[in-house]
Amino acid sequence: MEQIKTDGEQARLAEQKANLAYEQLAKRVEELTSLKNLQEQELAGQSALDISEEKDRLQTRLTEIEQEKNGHHCRNRAG
């Protein structure tokens, strides 16, 4: 009878240990999922920012090219 009590107590402790391990893993998965989501949002924001900066840079360069073109065009007419 004593052995049955001991086995039952060990089984109960093993179940508690398993439940605790599961809860810890579930919490870690939740934390990592949140971190992943934050990183994805940050990357998406950086990508949008990078694209916006590239667009601005290209528009500035296009304006410079147009000004150069107009400058050459005016010189050609004057010449």
N, C-alpha and C. Protein backbone atom coordinates (compact mmCIF):
# COMPACT_ATOMS: atom_id res chain seq x y z
N MET A 1 0.82 -1.19 0.00
CA MET A 1 0.00 0.00 0.00
C MET A 1 0.87 1.27 0.00
N GLU A 2 1.95 1.20 0.78
CA GLU A 2 2.87 2.33 0.87
C GLU A 2 3.50 2.62 -0.50
N GLN A 3 3.82 1.56 -1.23
CA GLN A 3 4.42 1.72 -2.56
C GLN A 3 3.45 2.42 -3.52
N ILE A 4 2.16 2.10 -3.40
CA ILE A 4 1.16 2.73 -4.25
C ILE A 4 1.08 4.22 -3.94
N LYS A 5 1.15 4.57 -2.64
CA LYS A 5 1.15 5.98 -2.25
C LYS A 5 2.37 6.71 -2.81
N THR A 6 3.52 6.07 -2.68
CA THR A 6 4.77 6.66 -3.18
C THR A 6 4.71 6.84 -4.69
N ASP A 7 4.24 5.80 -5.39
CA ASP A 7 4.13 5.89 -6.84
C ASP A 7 3.15 6.99 -7.25
N GLY A 8 2.05 7.08 -6.54
CA GLY A 8 1.05 8.12 -6.82
C GLY A 8 1.61 9.52 -6.60
N GLU A 9 2.36 9.68 -5.51
CA GLU A 9 2.98 10.98 -5.21
C GLU A 9 4.01 11.34 -6.27
N GLN A 10 4.81 10.37 -6.70
CA GLN A 10 5.80 10.61 -7.74
C GLN A 10 5.12 10.97 -9.07
N ALA A 11 4.02 10.29 -9.36
CA ALA A 11 3.28 10.58 -10.59
C ALA A 11 2.70 12.00 -10.53
N ARG A 12 2.18 12.39 -9.38
CA ARG A 12 1.62 13.73 -9.21
C ARG A 12 2.71 14.79 -9.37
N LEU A 13 3.88 14.55 -8.76
CA LEU A 13 5.00 15.48 -8.89
C LEU A 13 5.49 15.57 -10.34
N ALA A 14 5.54 14.43 -11.02
CA ALA A 14 5.95 14.42 -12.42
C ALA A 14 4.96 15.21 -13.28
N GLU A 15 3.67 15.08 -12.98
CA GLU A 15 2.64 15.82 -13.73
C GLU A 15 2.78 17.32 -13.47
N GLN A 16 3.02 17.70 -12.22
CA GLN A 16 3.21 19.12 -11.90
C GLN A 16 4.43 19.68 -12.62
N LYS A 17 5.49 18.88 -12.63
CA LYS A 17 6.72 19.30 -13.31
C LYS A 17 6.48 19.47 -14.80
N ALA A 18 5.75 18.53 -15.39
CA ALA A 18 5.44 18.60 -16.82
C ALA A 18 4.57 19.83 -17.12
N ASN A 19 3.59 20.09 -16.27
CA ASN A 19 2.72 21.25 -16.46
C ASN A 19 3.50 22.55 -16.36
N LEU A 20 4.41 22.63 -15.40
CA LEU A 20 5.23 23.82 -15.24
C LEU A 20 6.12 24.02 -16.46
N ALA A 21 6.73 22.95 -16.93
CA ALA A 21 7.58 23.03 -18.12
C ALA A 21 6.76 23.50 -19.32
N TYR A 22 5.55 22.97 -19.46
CA TYR A 22 4.68 23.36 -20.57
C TYR A 22 4.33 24.85 -20.48
N GLU A 23 3.98 25.31 -19.27
CA GLU A 23 3.64 26.73 -19.09
C GLU A 23 4.83 27.63 -19.42
N GLN A 24 6.01 27.21 -19.00
CA GLN A 24 7.22 28.00 -19.29
C GLN A 24 7.48 28.05 -20.79
N LEU A 25 7.33 26.92 -21.46
CA LEU A 25 7.53 26.88 -22.91
C LEU A 25 6.48 27.73 -23.64
N ALA A 26 5.23 27.64 -23.19
CA ALA A 26 4.16 28.42 -23.81
C ALA A 26 4.45 29.92 -23.66
N LYS A 27 4.92 30.31 -22.47
CA LYS A 27 5.25 31.72 -22.24
C LYS A 27 6.42 32.14 -23.13
N ARG A 28 7.41 31.28 -23.27
CA ARG A 28 8.57 31.59 -24.12
C ARG A 28 8.16 31.72 -25.58
N VAL A 29 7.28 30.83 -26.03
CA VAL A 29 6.78 30.91 -27.41
C VAL A 29 6.04 32.23 -27.62
N GLU A 30 5.23 32.62 -26.64
CA GLU A 30 4.50 33.88 -26.73
C GLU A 30 5.46 35.07 -26.81
N GLU A 31 6.49 35.05 -25.97
CA GLU A 31 7.48 36.13 -25.98
C GLU A 31 8.21 36.19 -27.31
N LEU A 32 8.62 35.03 -27.83
CA LEU A 32 9.34 35.00 -29.10
C LEU A 32 8.45 35.42 -30.26
N THR A 33 7.18 35.05 -30.20
CA THR A 33 6.24 35.46 -31.24
C THR A 33 6.07 36.98 -31.22
N SER A 34 5.97 37.55 -30.04
CA SER A 34 5.86 39.01 -29.92
C SER A 34 7.11 39.68 -30.46
N LEU A 35 8.25 39.15 -30.12
CA LEU A 35 9.52 39.70 -30.61
C LEU A 35 9.59 39.61 -32.13
N LYS A 36 9.21 38.48 -32.68
CA LYS A 36 9.20 38.30 -34.14
C LYS A 36 8.29 39.32 -34.80
N ASN A 37 7.11 39.51 -34.24
CA ASN A 37 6.16 40.48 -34.80
C ASN A 37 6.71 41.89 -34.76
N LEU A 38 7.36 42.24 -33.65
CA LEU A 38 7.96 43.56 -33.54
C LEU A 38 9.07 43.75 -34.57
N GLN A 39 9.89 42.73 -34.75
CA GLN A 39 10.97 42.81 -35.73
C GLN A 39 10.42 42.93 -37.14
N GLU A 40 9.35 42.20 -37.44
CA GLU A 40 8.74 42.29 -38.77
C GLU A 40 8.20 43.69 -39.00
N GLN A 41 7.57 44.27 -37.98
CA GLN A 41 7.05 45.63 -38.10
C GLN A 41 8.18 46.63 -38.30
N GLU A 42 9.26 46.42 -37.56
CA GLU A 42 10.42 47.31 -37.68
C GLU A 42 11.03 47.21 -39.08
N LEU A 43 11.18 45.98 -39.57
CA LEU A 43 11.72 45.79 -40.90
C LEU A 43 10.82 46.40 -41.97
N ALA A 44 9.52 46.22 -41.81
CA ALA A 44 8.57 46.81 -42.76
C ALA A 44 8.69 48.33 -42.73
N GLY A 45 8.81 48.88 -41.55
CA GLY A 45 8.97 50.33 -41.42
C GLY A 45 10.26 50.81 -42.03
N GLN A 46 11.33 50.06 -41.82
CA GLN A 46 12.62 50.43 -42.41
C GLN A 46 12.56 50.33 -43.92
N SER A 47 11.91 49.30 -44.42
CA SER A 47 11.79 49.13 -45.87
C SER A 47 11.03 50.30 -46.47
N ALA A 48 9.93 50.68 -45.83
CA ALA A 48 9.15 51.81 -46.32
C ALA A 48 9.98 53.09 -46.26
N LEU A 49 10.74 53.24 -45.19
CA LEU A 49 11.59 54.42 -45.05
C LEU A 49 12.68 54.40 -46.11
N ASP A 50 13.32 53.26 -46.33
CA ASP A 50 14.36 53.14 -47.34
C ASP A 50 13.80 53.46 -48.72
N ILE A 51 12.61 52.96 -49.01
CA ILE A 51 11.99 53.22 -50.31
C ILE A 51 11.68 54.70 -50.46
N SER A 52 11.18 55.30 -49.40
CA SER A 52 10.86 56.73 -49.42
C SER A 52 12.13 57.55 -49.63
N GLU A 53 13.19 57.19 -48.93
CA GLU A 53 14.47 57.90 -49.09
C GLU A 53 15.01 57.74 -50.50
N GLU A 54 14.92 56.55 -51.05
CA GLU A 54 15.39 56.30 -52.41
C GLU A 54 14.56 57.10 -53.41
N LYS A 55 13.26 57.17 -53.20
CA LYS A 55 12.39 57.96 -54.08
C LYS A 55 12.81 59.42 -54.04
N ASP A 56 13.03 59.96 -52.83
CA ASP A 56 13.45 61.35 -52.70
C ASP A 56 14.79 61.58 -53.39
N ARG A 57 15.71 60.66 -53.22
CA ARG A 57 17.03 60.79 -53.84
C ARG A 57 16.92 60.79 -55.36
N LEU A 58 16.10 59.87 -55.88
CA LEU A 58 15.92 59.80 -57.32
C LEU A 58 15.21 61.03 -57.88
N GLN A 59 14.23 61.54 -57.14
CA GLN A 59 13.54 62.75 -57.59
C GLN A 59 14.50 63.94 -57.62
N THR A 60 15.36 64.03 -56.61
CA THR A 60 16.35 65.10 -56.58
C THR A 60 17.30 64.98 -57.76
N ARG A 61 17.73 63.76 -58.02
CA ARG A 61 18.65 63.55 -59.16
C ARG A 61 17.96 63.85 -60.48
N LEU A 62 16.70 63.50 -60.62
CA LEU A 62 15.95 63.79 -61.83
C LEU A 62 15.84 65.30 -62.03
N THR A 63 15.58 66.02 -60.97
CA THR A 63 15.51 67.49 -61.05
C THR A 63 16.85 68.05 -61.50
N GLU A 64 17.94 67.52 -60.94
CA GLU A 64 19.29 67.97 -61.33
C GLU A 64 19.53 67.71 -62.81
N ILE A 65 19.14 66.54 -63.28
CA ILE A 65 19.33 66.18 -64.69
C ILE A 65 18.52 67.11 -65.58
N GLU A 66 17.27 67.39 -65.18
CA GLU A 66 16.43 68.30 -65.96
C GLU A 66 17.04 69.70 -66.01
N GLN A 67 17.58 70.14 -64.88
CA GLN A 67 18.21 71.47 -64.85
C GLN A 67 19.45 71.49 -65.75
N GLU A 68 20.24 70.41 -65.69
CA GLU A 68 21.42 70.33 -66.55
C GLU A 68 21.00 70.32 -68.02
N LYS A 69 19.98 69.56 -68.32
CA LYS A 69 19.47 69.46 -69.69
C LYS A 69 19.00 70.83 -70.17
N ASN A 70 18.25 71.52 -69.33
CA ASN A 70 17.77 72.85 -69.69
C ASN A 70 18.92 73.83 -69.85
N GLY A 71 19.92 73.71 -69.02
CA GLY A 71 21.10 74.56 -69.10
C GLY A 71 21.84 74.33 -70.41
N HIS A 72 22.01 73.08 -70.81
CA HIS A 72 22.68 72.75 -72.07
C HIS A 72 21.82 73.21 -73.24
N HIS A 73 20.55 73.04 -73.10
CA HIS A 73 19.62 73.40 -74.15
C HIS A 73 19.65 74.91 -74.40
N CYS A 74 19.70 75.68 -73.30
CA CYS A 74 19.75 77.12 -73.42
C CYS A 74 21.08 77.57 -74.04
N ARG A 75 22.17 76.90 -73.67
CA ARG A 75 23.49 77.25 -74.22
C ARG A 75 23.55 76.91 -75.71
N ASN A 76 22.93 75.81 -76.09
CA ASN A 76 22.93 75.43 -77.49
C ASN A 76 22.15 76.45 -78.33
N ARG A 77 21.08 76.96 -77.81
CA ARG A 77 20.29 77.97 -78.52
C ARG A 77 21.06 79.28 -78.63
N ALA A 78 21.77 79.62 -77.54
CA ALA A 78 22.52 80.87 -77.54
C ALA A 78 23.71 80.78 -78.48
N GLY A 79 24.25 79.58 -78.64
CA GLY A 79 25.45 79.38 -79.43
C GLY A 79 25.17 79.28 -80.85
